[in-house]
Amino acid sequence: MAGAASAAAERKVTIRVLLVEDEEIHRVLARALMKAVGGVELDEAGNGAEAVRRVREGGAYDLILADRQMPVMDGHEATRQIRALGVTTPIVGLSSDSLAADVDAFIKAGADDFTPKPLSKEKLNHILAKFNLA
């Protein structure tokens, strides 16, 4: 843990993360985790359509964390539309539904990875390390 804390303290560039999540409790948890990890600037979208709009309007993110099931537009469709814009930012699908078919659907939509909910500090650190953001 000390290594992760010192890595965050030494990080010169802030990591910009877009969280696409409709449930307030999951956003509250993500805010706390991002603060605990340090060096992360969190932007939030309450549904996939809002996420696509933010990206389309020039939102430059280092990482996108996208829930699967949301009103207006789900995470799969948001991922497809973000990829159609030519965005190569790592996208990680998040869902309580983590059967192989659920994971496969996110990957087929264009996500780079999948993490089952709930998000934890360990899972977040793993995601940041996997995409060379930590």
N, C-alpha and C. Protein backbone atom coordinates (compact mmCIF):
# COMPACT_ATOMS: atom_id res chain seq x y z
N MET A 1 0.81 -1.20 0.00
CA MET A 1 0.00 0.00 0.00
C MET A 1 0.85 1.26 0.00
N ALA A 2 1.97 1.22 0.72
CA ALA A 2 2.84 2.39 0.78
C ALA A 2 3.37 2.72 -0.61
N GLY A 3 3.63 1.70 -1.41
CA GLY A 3 4.11 1.94 -2.77
C GLY A 3 3.10 2.69 -3.61
N ALA A 4 1.83 2.30 -3.49
CA ALA A 4 0.78 2.97 -4.25
C ALA A 4 0.62 4.41 -3.79
N ALA A 5 0.71 4.63 -2.48
CA ALA A 5 0.57 5.99 -1.95
C ALA A 5 1.73 6.86 -2.41
N SER A 6 2.95 6.33 -2.38
CA SER A 6 4.08 7.14 -2.81
C SER A 6 4.04 7.36 -4.32
N ALA A 7 3.54 6.38 -5.08
CA ALA A 7 3.41 6.56 -6.53
C ALA A 7 2.42 7.68 -6.82
N ALA A 8 1.32 7.71 -6.07
CA ALA A 8 0.33 8.77 -6.27
C ALA A 8 0.92 10.12 -5.89
N ALA A 9 1.70 10.16 -4.82
CA ALA A 9 2.30 11.41 -4.37
C ALA A 9 3.33 11.92 -5.39
N GLU A 10 4.01 10.99 -6.04
CA GLU A 10 5.04 11.38 -7.01
C GLU A 10 4.45 11.68 -8.39
N ARG A 11 3.21 11.31 -8.62
CA ARG A 11 2.58 11.51 -9.91
C ARG A 11 2.52 12.99 -10.22
N LYS A 12 3.08 13.39 -11.35
CA LYS A 12 3.13 14.79 -11.71
C LYS A 12 1.88 15.22 -12.48
N VAL A 13 1.34 14.32 -13.26
CA VAL A 13 0.19 14.63 -14.09
C VAL A 13 -1.06 14.02 -13.46
N THR A 14 -2.10 14.78 -13.39
CA THR A 14 -3.36 14.28 -12.86
C THR A 14 -4.00 13.33 -13.87
N ILE A 15 -4.51 12.23 -13.38
CA ILE A 15 -5.21 11.27 -14.22
C ILE A 15 -6.67 11.71 -14.29
N ARG A 16 -7.17 11.89 -15.50
CA ARG A 16 -8.58 12.29 -15.68
C ARG A 16 -9.40 11.04 -15.96
N VAL A 17 -10.37 10.81 -15.08
CA VAL A 17 -11.23 9.63 -15.18
C VAL A 17 -12.67 10.08 -15.38
N LEU A 18 -13.35 9.46 -16.34
CA LEU A 18 -14.77 9.67 -16.53
C LEU A 18 -15.49 8.45 -15.98
N LEU A 19 -16.32 8.67 -14.97
CA LEU A 19 -17.15 7.62 -14.40
C LEU A 19 -18.55 7.74 -14.99
N VAL A 20 -19.01 6.69 -15.65
CA VAL A 20 -20.34 6.67 -16.25
C VAL A 20 -21.19 5.74 -15.38
N GLU A 21 -22.00 6.34 -14.54
CA GLU A 21 -22.72 5.58 -13.51
C GLU A 21 -23.99 6.33 -13.11
N ASP A 22 -25.11 5.62 -13.10
CA ASP A 22 -26.37 6.28 -12.73
C ASP A 22 -26.70 6.18 -11.25
N GLU A 23 -26.13 5.24 -10.54
CA GLU A 23 -26.45 5.04 -9.12
C GLU A 23 -25.57 5.91 -8.23
N GLU A 24 -26.22 6.75 -7.44
CA GLU A 24 -25.50 7.69 -6.57
C GLU A 24 -24.55 6.98 -5.61
N ILE A 25 -24.94 5.85 -5.05
CA ILE A 25 -24.08 5.15 -4.09
C ILE A 25 -22.77 4.72 -4.73
N HIS A 26 -22.82 4.31 -5.97
CA HIS A 26 -21.59 3.91 -6.68
C HIS A 26 -20.73 5.13 -7.01
N ARG A 27 -21.35 6.27 -7.28
CA ARG A 27 -20.58 7.50 -7.52
C ARG A 27 -19.91 7.98 -6.24
N VAL A 28 -20.63 7.89 -5.12
CA VAL A 28 -20.05 8.28 -3.82
C VAL A 28 -18.84 7.40 -3.51
N LEU A 29 -18.98 6.09 -3.71
CA LEU A 29 -17.87 5.17 -3.48
C LEU A 29 -16.69 5.50 -4.38
N ALA A 30 -16.96 5.74 -5.66
CA ALA A 30 -15.88 6.06 -6.61
C ALA A 30 -15.16 7.35 -6.22
N ARG A 31 -15.92 8.36 -5.80
CA ARG A 31 -15.28 9.61 -5.35
C ARG A 31 -14.32 9.35 -4.21
N ALA A 32 -14.76 8.57 -3.23
CA ALA A 32 -13.91 8.26 -2.08
C ALA A 32 -12.67 7.48 -2.50
N LEU A 33 -12.85 6.53 -3.41
CA LEU A 33 -11.71 5.73 -3.87
C LEU A 33 -10.71 6.58 -4.65
N MET A 34 -11.20 7.45 -5.51
CA MET A 34 -10.30 8.31 -6.29
C MET A 34 -9.51 9.23 -5.37
N LYS A 35 -10.17 9.73 -4.34
CA LYS A 35 -9.48 10.59 -3.38
C LYS A 35 -8.43 9.80 -2.61
N ALA A 36 -8.76 8.57 -2.23
CA ALA A 36 -7.82 7.73 -1.50
C ALA A 36 -6.60 7.37 -2.34
N VAL A 37 -6.82 7.13 -3.62
CA VAL A 37 -5.71 6.79 -4.51
C VAL A 37 -4.85 8.02 -4.77
N GLY A 38 -5.49 9.17 -4.91
CA GLY A 38 -4.76 10.42 -5.13
C GLY A 38 -4.35 10.62 -6.57
N GLY A 39 -4.22 11.87 -6.96
CA GLY A 39 -3.77 12.20 -8.31
C GLY A 39 -4.80 11.95 -9.38
N VAL A 40 -6.08 11.77 -8.98
CA VAL A 40 -7.13 11.46 -9.93
C VAL A 40 -8.17 12.58 -9.91
N GLU A 41 -8.49 13.08 -11.09
CA GLU A 41 -9.56 14.05 -11.25
C GLU A 41 -10.75 13.31 -11.83
N LEU A 42 -11.84 13.26 -11.09
CA LEU A 42 -13.01 12.49 -11.49
C LEU A 42 -14.07 13.38 -12.12
N ASP A 43 -14.55 12.96 -13.28
CA ASP A 43 -15.67 13.59 -13.94
C ASP A 43 -16.77 12.52 -13.96
N GLU A 44 -18.02 12.93 -13.85
CA GLU A 44 -19.11 11.96 -13.76
C GLU A 44 -20.18 12.22 -14.80
N ALA A 45 -20.69 11.13 -15.35
CA ALA A 45 -21.83 11.18 -16.27
C ALA A 45 -22.88 10.21 -15.73
N GLY A 46 -24.12 10.65 -15.67
CA GLY A 46 -25.19 9.83 -15.09
C GLY A 46 -25.78 8.79 -16.03
N ASN A 47 -25.39 8.83 -17.30
CA ASN A 47 -25.85 7.82 -18.26
C ASN A 47 -24.91 7.83 -19.47
N GLY A 48 -25.07 6.85 -20.33
CA GLY A 48 -24.19 6.72 -21.48
C GLY A 48 -24.27 7.87 -22.46
N ALA A 49 -25.47 8.41 -22.67
CA ALA A 49 -25.62 9.53 -23.61
C ALA A 49 -24.85 10.74 -23.12
N GLU A 50 -24.90 10.99 -21.83
CA GLU A 50 -24.15 12.11 -21.26
C GLU A 50 -22.64 11.89 -21.42
N ALA A 51 -22.20 10.66 -21.25
CA ALA A 51 -20.78 10.34 -21.42
C ALA A 51 -20.33 10.59 -22.85
N VAL A 52 -21.13 10.13 -23.81
CA VAL A 52 -20.80 10.34 -25.23
C VAL A 52 -20.73 11.83 -25.52
N ARG A 53 -21.68 12.59 -24.99
CA ARG A 53 -21.69 14.04 -25.20
C ARG A 53 -20.42 14.68 -24.64
N ARG A 54 -20.04 14.29 -23.44
CA ARG A 54 -18.83 14.88 -22.82
C ARG A 54 -17.59 14.57 -23.65
N VAL A 55 -17.48 13.36 -24.13
CA VAL A 55 -16.32 12.97 -24.95
C VAL A 55 -16.37 13.71 -26.28
N ARG A 56 -17.54 13.76 -26.90
CA ARG A 56 -17.70 14.44 -28.20
C ARG A 56 -17.35 15.92 -28.10
N GLU A 57 -17.67 16.54 -26.96
CA GLU A 57 -17.40 17.97 -26.77
C GLU A 57 -15.96 18.24 -26.35
N GLY A 58 -15.11 17.25 -26.45
CA GLY A 58 -13.70 17.47 -26.22
C GLY A 58 -13.18 17.03 -24.87
N GLY A 59 -13.99 16.32 -24.11
CA GLY A 59 -13.50 15.80 -22.83
C GLY A 59 -12.37 14.82 -23.07
N ALA A 60 -11.19 15.17 -22.62
CA ALA A 60 -10.02 14.30 -22.78
C ALA A 60 -9.81 13.53 -21.48
N TYR A 61 -9.96 12.24 -21.55
CA TYR A 61 -9.85 11.40 -20.36
C TYR A 61 -8.73 10.38 -20.54
N ASP A 62 -8.14 9.99 -19.43
CA ASP A 62 -7.11 8.95 -19.44
C ASP A 62 -7.73 7.57 -19.24
N LEU A 63 -8.94 7.56 -18.69
CA LEU A 63 -9.62 6.30 -18.38
C LEU A 63 -11.13 6.58 -18.30
N ILE A 64 -11.91 5.63 -18.82
CA ILE A 64 -13.36 5.71 -18.70
C ILE A 64 -13.83 4.44 -18.01
N LEU A 65 -14.59 4.61 -16.93
CA LEU A 65 -15.20 3.50 -16.21
C LEU A 65 -16.70 3.57 -16.49
N ALA A 66 -17.27 2.52 -17.10
CA ALA A 66 -18.66 2.59 -17.56
C ALA A 66 -19.51 1.46 -16.98
N ASP A 67 -20.58 1.84 -16.32
CA ASP A 67 -21.58 0.89 -15.84
C ASP A 67 -22.28 0.29 -17.05
N ARG A 68 -22.86 -0.87 -16.88
CA ARG A 68 -23.57 -1.53 -17.97
C ARG A 68 -25.00 -1.04 -18.09
N GLN A 69 -25.76 -1.16 -17.03
CA GLN A 69 -27.19 -0.88 -17.09
C GLN A 69 -27.49 0.52 -16.55
N MET A 70 -27.96 1.39 -17.45
CA MET A 70 -28.30 2.77 -17.08
C MET A 70 -29.49 3.22 -17.92
N PRO A 71 -30.21 4.22 -17.43
CA PRO A 71 -31.29 4.78 -18.25
C PRO A 71 -30.71 5.58 -19.42
N VAL A 72 -31.51 5.88 -20.39
CA VAL A 72 -31.20 6.69 -21.57
C VAL A 72 -30.29 5.91 -22.52
N MET A 73 -29.08 5.56 -22.10
CA MET A 73 -28.16 4.78 -22.93
C MET A 73 -27.29 3.92 -22.02
N ASP A 74 -27.21 2.62 -22.31
CA ASP A 74 -26.42 1.73 -21.46
C ASP A 74 -24.93 1.83 -21.79
N GLY A 75 -24.14 1.18 -20.97
CA GLY A 75 -22.68 1.22 -21.12
C GLY A 75 -22.17 0.60 -22.41
N HIS A 76 -22.85 -0.44 -22.88
CA HIS A 76 -22.43 -1.07 -24.14
C HIS A 76 -22.55 -0.09 -25.30
N GLU A 77 -23.72 0.54 -25.40
CA GLU A 77 -23.94 1.48 -26.51
C GLU A 77 -23.04 2.70 -26.39
N ALA A 78 -22.86 3.19 -25.17
CA ALA A 78 -21.97 4.34 -24.97
C ALA A 78 -20.55 3.98 -25.40
N THR A 79 -20.12 2.80 -25.06
CA THR A 79 -18.77 2.35 -25.45
C THR A 79 -18.66 2.29 -26.97
N ARG A 80 -19.66 1.72 -27.63
CA ARG A 80 -19.64 1.65 -29.10
C ARG A 80 -19.57 3.05 -29.70
N GLN A 81 -20.37 3.97 -29.19
CA GLN A 81 -20.39 5.32 -29.75
C GLN A 81 -19.10 6.08 -29.48
N ILE A 82 -18.53 5.89 -28.31
CA ILE A 82 -17.24 6.54 -28.00
C ILE A 82 -16.15 6.00 -28.92
N ARG A 83 -16.15 4.71 -29.15
CA ARG A 83 -15.16 4.12 -30.07
C ARG A 83 -15.40 4.63 -31.50
N ALA A 84 -16.65 4.81 -31.88
CA ALA A 84 -16.96 5.30 -33.23
C ALA A 84 -16.44 6.71 -33.44
N LEU A 85 -16.23 7.44 -32.36
CA LEU A 85 -15.65 8.79 -32.45
C LEU A 85 -14.13 8.74 -32.65
N GLY A 86 -13.56 7.54 -32.62
CA GLY A 86 -12.12 7.39 -32.79
C GLY A 86 -11.35 7.48 -31.48
N VAL A 87 -12.05 7.46 -30.38
CA VAL A 87 -11.40 7.57 -29.07
C VAL A 87 -10.76 6.23 -28.69
N THR A 88 -9.49 6.28 -28.31
CA THR A 88 -8.75 5.07 -27.94
C THR A 88 -8.49 4.97 -26.44
N THR A 89 -9.03 5.90 -25.67
CA THR A 89 -8.90 5.89 -24.22
C THR A 89 -9.34 4.53 -23.68
N PRO A 90 -8.60 3.96 -22.72
CA PRO A 90 -9.05 2.70 -22.12
C PRO A 90 -10.43 2.85 -21.50
N ILE A 91 -11.30 1.90 -21.82
CA ILE A 91 -12.64 1.84 -21.23
C ILE A 91 -12.76 0.54 -20.47
N VAL A 92 -13.16 0.64 -19.21
CA VAL A 92 -13.35 -0.53 -18.37
C VAL A 92 -14.84 -0.61 -18.01
N GLY A 93 -15.46 -1.73 -18.36
CA GLY A 93 -16.85 -1.95 -18.01
C GLY A 93 -16.98 -2.32 -16.55
N LEU A 94 -18.01 -1.82 -15.92
CA LEU A 94 -18.32 -2.13 -14.52
C LEU A 94 -19.74 -2.66 -14.44
N SER A 95 -19.93 -3.75 -13.71
CA SER A 95 -21.28 -4.25 -13.53
C SER A 95 -21.31 -5.28 -12.42
N SER A 96 -22.48 -5.40 -11.81
CA SER A 96 -22.70 -6.47 -10.84
C SER A 96 -22.90 -7.78 -11.59
N ASP A 97 -23.31 -7.68 -12.84
CA ASP A 97 -23.48 -8.86 -13.69
C ASP A 97 -22.12 -9.22 -14.28
N SER A 98 -21.53 -10.30 -13.78
CA SER A 98 -20.17 -10.61 -14.22
C SER A 98 -20.03 -12.03 -14.75
N LEU A 99 -21.11 -12.55 -15.32
CA LEU A 99 -21.01 -13.84 -16.00
C LEU A 99 -20.16 -13.65 -17.26
N ALA A 100 -19.63 -14.72 -17.78
CA ALA A 100 -18.78 -14.64 -18.97
C ALA A 100 -19.48 -13.91 -20.11
N ALA A 101 -20.76 -14.15 -20.29
CA ALA A 101 -21.51 -13.49 -21.37
C ALA A 101 -21.58 -11.98 -21.15
N ASP A 102 -21.70 -11.54 -19.89
CA ASP A 102 -21.76 -10.11 -19.58
C ASP A 102 -20.42 -9.44 -19.89
N VAL A 103 -19.35 -10.10 -19.49
CA VAL A 103 -18.00 -9.58 -19.76
C VAL A 103 -17.77 -9.53 -21.26
N ASP A 104 -18.11 -10.60 -21.95
CA ASP A 104 -17.91 -10.69 -23.40
C ASP A 104 -18.68 -9.59 -24.14
N ALA A 105 -19.88 -9.27 -23.68
CA ALA A 105 -20.68 -8.24 -24.33
C ALA A 105 -19.99 -6.88 -24.22
N PHE A 106 -19.38 -6.60 -23.08
CA PHE A 106 -18.66 -5.32 -22.92
C PHE A 106 -17.44 -5.28 -23.83
N ILE A 107 -16.70 -6.37 -23.87
CA ILE A 107 -15.49 -6.42 -24.70
C ILE A 107 -15.88 -6.28 -26.18
N LYS A 108 -16.94 -6.96 -26.60
CA LYS A 108 -17.39 -6.86 -28.00
C LYS A 108 -17.86 -5.44 -28.34
N ALA A 109 -18.35 -4.70 -27.34
CA ALA A 109 -18.79 -3.32 -27.55
C ALA A 109 -17.59 -2.38 -27.71
N GLY A 110 -16.39 -2.85 -27.32
CA GLY A 110 -15.19 -2.02 -27.46
C GLY A 110 -14.46 -1.71 -26.18
N ALA A 111 -14.93 -2.27 -25.06
CA ALA A 111 -14.23 -2.05 -23.79
C ALA A 111 -12.90 -2.80 -23.79
N ASP A 112 -11.94 -2.26 -23.06
CA ASP A 112 -10.62 -2.89 -22.96
C ASP A 112 -10.55 -3.92 -21.84
N ASP A 113 -11.44 -3.77 -20.86
CA ASP A 113 -11.40 -4.65 -19.70
C ASP A 113 -12.76 -4.58 -19.00
N PHE A 114 -12.92 -5.41 -18.00
CA PHE A 114 -14.15 -5.48 -17.23
C PHE A 114 -13.78 -5.74 -15.78
N THR A 115 -14.47 -5.07 -14.86
CA THR A 115 -14.28 -5.28 -13.43
C THR A 115 -15.65 -5.40 -12.78
N PRO A 116 -15.86 -6.46 -12.01
CA PRO A 116 -17.15 -6.58 -11.33
C PRO A 116 -17.29 -5.56 -10.20
N LYS A 117 -18.52 -5.08 -10.01
CA LYS A 117 -18.81 -4.20 -8.89
C LYS A 117 -18.87 -5.03 -7.62
N PRO A 118 -18.60 -4.45 -6.50
CA PRO A 118 -18.30 -3.04 -6.28
C PRO A 118 -16.83 -2.73 -6.57
N LEU A 119 -16.57 -1.50 -6.98
CA LEU A 119 -15.20 -1.05 -7.19
C LEU A 119 -14.54 -0.94 -5.83
N SER A 120 -13.30 -1.31 -5.74
CA SER A 120 -12.53 -1.22 -4.49
C SER A 120 -11.21 -0.52 -4.79
N LYS A 121 -10.51 -0.15 -3.75
CA LYS A 121 -9.21 0.50 -3.93
C LYS A 121 -8.25 -0.45 -4.65
N GLU A 122 -8.29 -1.72 -4.29
CA GLU A 122 -7.42 -2.71 -4.93
C GLU A 122 -7.75 -2.84 -6.42
N LYS A 123 -9.04 -2.91 -6.74
CA LYS A 123 -9.45 -3.02 -8.15
C LYS A 123 -9.05 -1.77 -8.92
N LEU A 124 -9.26 -0.60 -8.31
CA LEU A 124 -8.89 0.65 -8.97
C LEU A 124 -7.39 0.72 -9.21
N ASN A 125 -6.60 0.37 -8.21
CA ASN A 125 -5.14 0.37 -8.38
C ASN A 125 -4.71 -0.60 -9.47
N HIS A 126 -5.36 -1.76 -9.54
CA HIS A 126 -5.05 -2.74 -10.59
C HIS A 126 -5.36 -2.17 -11.98
N ILE A 127 -6.51 -1.51 -12.11
CA ILE A 127 -6.90 -0.91 -13.39
C ILE A 127 -5.89 0.17 -13.79
N LEU A 128 -5.54 1.05 -12.84
CA LEU A 128 -4.59 2.13 -13.15
C LEU A 128 -3.24 1.56 -13.56
N ALA A 129 -2.79 0.53 -12.87
CA ALA A 129 -1.50 -0.09 -13.21
C ALA A 129 -1.56 -0.78 -14.57
N LYS A 130 -2.66 -1.49 -14.84
CA LYS A 130 -2.80 -2.20 -16.11
C LYS A 130 -2.67 -1.28 -17.31
N PHE A 131 -3.18 -0.06 -17.18
CA PHE A 131 -3.14 0.88 -18.29
C PHE A 131 -2.05 1.94 -18.11
N ASN A 132 -1.05 1.59 -17.30
CA ASN A 132 0.13 2.46 -17.07
C ASN A 132 -0.25 3.86 -16.62
N LEU A 133 -1.25 3.96 -15.76
CA LEU A 133 -1.68 5.25 -15.24
C LEU A 133 -1.24 5.45 -13.81
N ALA A 134 -0.65 4.43 -13.21
CA ALA A 134 -0.20 4.54 -11.81
C ALA A 134 1.30 4.53 -11.73
